[in-house]
C-alpha atoms as a PDB file:
ATOM      1  CA  UNK A   1      -3.852 -18.011  37.495  1.00  0.00           C
ATOM      2  CA  UNK A   2      -2.302 -20.976  39.260  1.00  0.00           C
ATOM      3  CA  UNK A   3      -0.120 -20.691  42.357  1.00  0.00           C
ATOM      4  CA  UNK A   4       2.981 -21.705  40.397  1.00  0.00           C
ATOM      5  CA  UNK A   5       2.321 -18.977  37.802  1.00  0.00           C
ATOM      6  CA  UNK A   6       1.847 -16.443  40.597  1.00  0.00           C
ATOM      7  CA  UNK A   7       5.108 -17.583  42.264  1.00  0.00           C
ATOM      8  CA  UNK A   8       6.937 -17.191  38.956  1.00  0.00           C
ATOM      9  CA  UNK A   9       5.637 -13.638  38.612  1.00  0.00           C
ATOM     10  CA  UNK A  10       6.688 -12.793  42.168  1.00  0.00           C
ATOM     11  CA  UNK A  11      10.260 -13.909  41.450  1.00  0.00           C
ATOM     12  CA  UNK A  12      10.364 -11.969  38.174  1.00  0.00           C
ATOM     13  CA  UNK A  13       9.010  -8.834  39.869  1.00  0.00           C
ATOM     14  CA  UNK A  14      11.801  -8.578  42.433  1.00  0.00           C
ATOM     15  CA  UNK A  15      14.005  -5.569  41.832  1.00  0.00           C
ATOM     16  CA  UNK A  16      17.577  -5.004  42.884  1.00  0.00           C
ATOM     17  CA  UNK A  17      18.520  -1.969  44.957  1.00  0.00           C
ATOM     18  CA  UNK A  18      19.669  -0.003  41.909  1.00  0.00           C
ATOM     19  CA  UNK A  19      16.385  -0.480  40.103  1.00  0.00           C
ATOM     20  CA  UNK A  20      14.411   0.533  43.164  1.00  0.00           C
ATOM     21  CA  UNK A  21      16.540   3.647  43.651  1.00  0.00           C
ATOM     22  CA  UNK A  22      16.094   4.676  40.004  1.00  0.00           C
ATOM     23  CA  UNK A  23      12.326   4.148  40.274  1.00  0.00           C
ATOM     24  CA  UNK A  24      12.222   6.222  43.450  1.00  0.00           C
ATOM     25  CA  UNK A  25      14.047   9.063  41.702  1.00  0.00           C
ATOM     26  CA  UNK A  26      11.644   9.006  38.743  1.00  0.00           C
ATOM     27  CA  UNK A  27       8.632   9.090  41.047  1.00  0.00           C
ATOM     28  CA  UNK A  28      10.156  11.900  43.104  1.00  0.00           C
ATOM     29  CA  UNK A  29      10.872  13.938  39.993  1.00  0.00           C
ATOM     30  CA  UNK A  30       7.331  13.573  38.706  1.00  0.00           C
ATOM     31  CA  UNK A  31       5.503  14.070  42.020  1.00  0.00           C
ATOM     32  CA  UNK A  32       3.537  17.216  42.782  1.00  0.00           C
ATOM     33  CA  UNK A  33       4.824  17.451  46.361  1.00  0.00           C
ATOM     34  CA  UNK A  34       6.248  15.340  49.194  1.00  0.00           C
ATOM     35  CA  UNK A  35       2.896  13.819  50.126  1.00  0.00           C
ATOM     36  CA  UNK A  36       2.222  12.858  46.515  1.00  0.00           C
ATOM     37  CA  UNK A  37       5.668  11.268  46.312  1.00  0.00           C
ATOM     38  CA  UNK A  38       5.156   9.246  49.517  1.00  0.00           C
ATOM     39  CA  UNK A  39       1.745   8.039  48.331  1.00  0.00           C
ATOM     40  CA  UNK A  40       3.035   6.964  44.907  1.00  0.00           C
ATOM     41  CA  UNK A  41       6.101   5.217  46.357  1.00  0.00           C
ATOM     42  CA  UNK A  42       3.870   3.390  48.809  1.00  0.00           C
ATOM     43  CA  UNK A  43       1.468   2.348  46.069  1.00  0.00           C
ATOM     44  CA  UNK A  44       4.368   0.957  44.046  1.00  0.00           C
ATOM     45  CA  UNK A  45       5.799  -0.843  47.068  1.00  0.00           C
ATOM     46  CA  UNK A  46       9.132   0.981  46.902  1.00  0.00           C
ATOM     47  CA  UNK A  47       8.711   3.391  49.789  1.00  0.00           C
ATOM     48  CA  UNK A  48      11.536   1.895  51.842  1.00  0.00           C
ATOM     49  CA  UNK A  49      15.039   3.297  51.540  1.00  0.00           C
ATOM     50  CA  UNK A  50      16.926   0.371  49.967  1.00  0.00           C
ATOM     51  CA  UNK A  51      20.401   1.840  50.231  1.00  0.00           C
ATOM     52  CA  UNK A  52      20.432   2.658  53.946  1.00  0.00           C
ATOM     53  CA  UNK A  53      23.905   1.084  54.201  1.00  0.00           C
ATOM     54  CA  UNK A  54      25.269   3.862  51.967  1.00  0.00           C
ATOM     55  CA  UNK A  55      24.039   6.607  54.336  1.00  0.00           C
END
């Protein structure tokens, strides 16, 4: 895969805050416990709280 193809994928893979929040909720709902949830969110790269302004 060329660098330009990889750059195109990186741009396409960016999620907005709403998408990240929905993904976090799905992972949380399907997790076995809090540690499982943290690990899965970290693996997916969505562990950060994206809507910290709302809190």
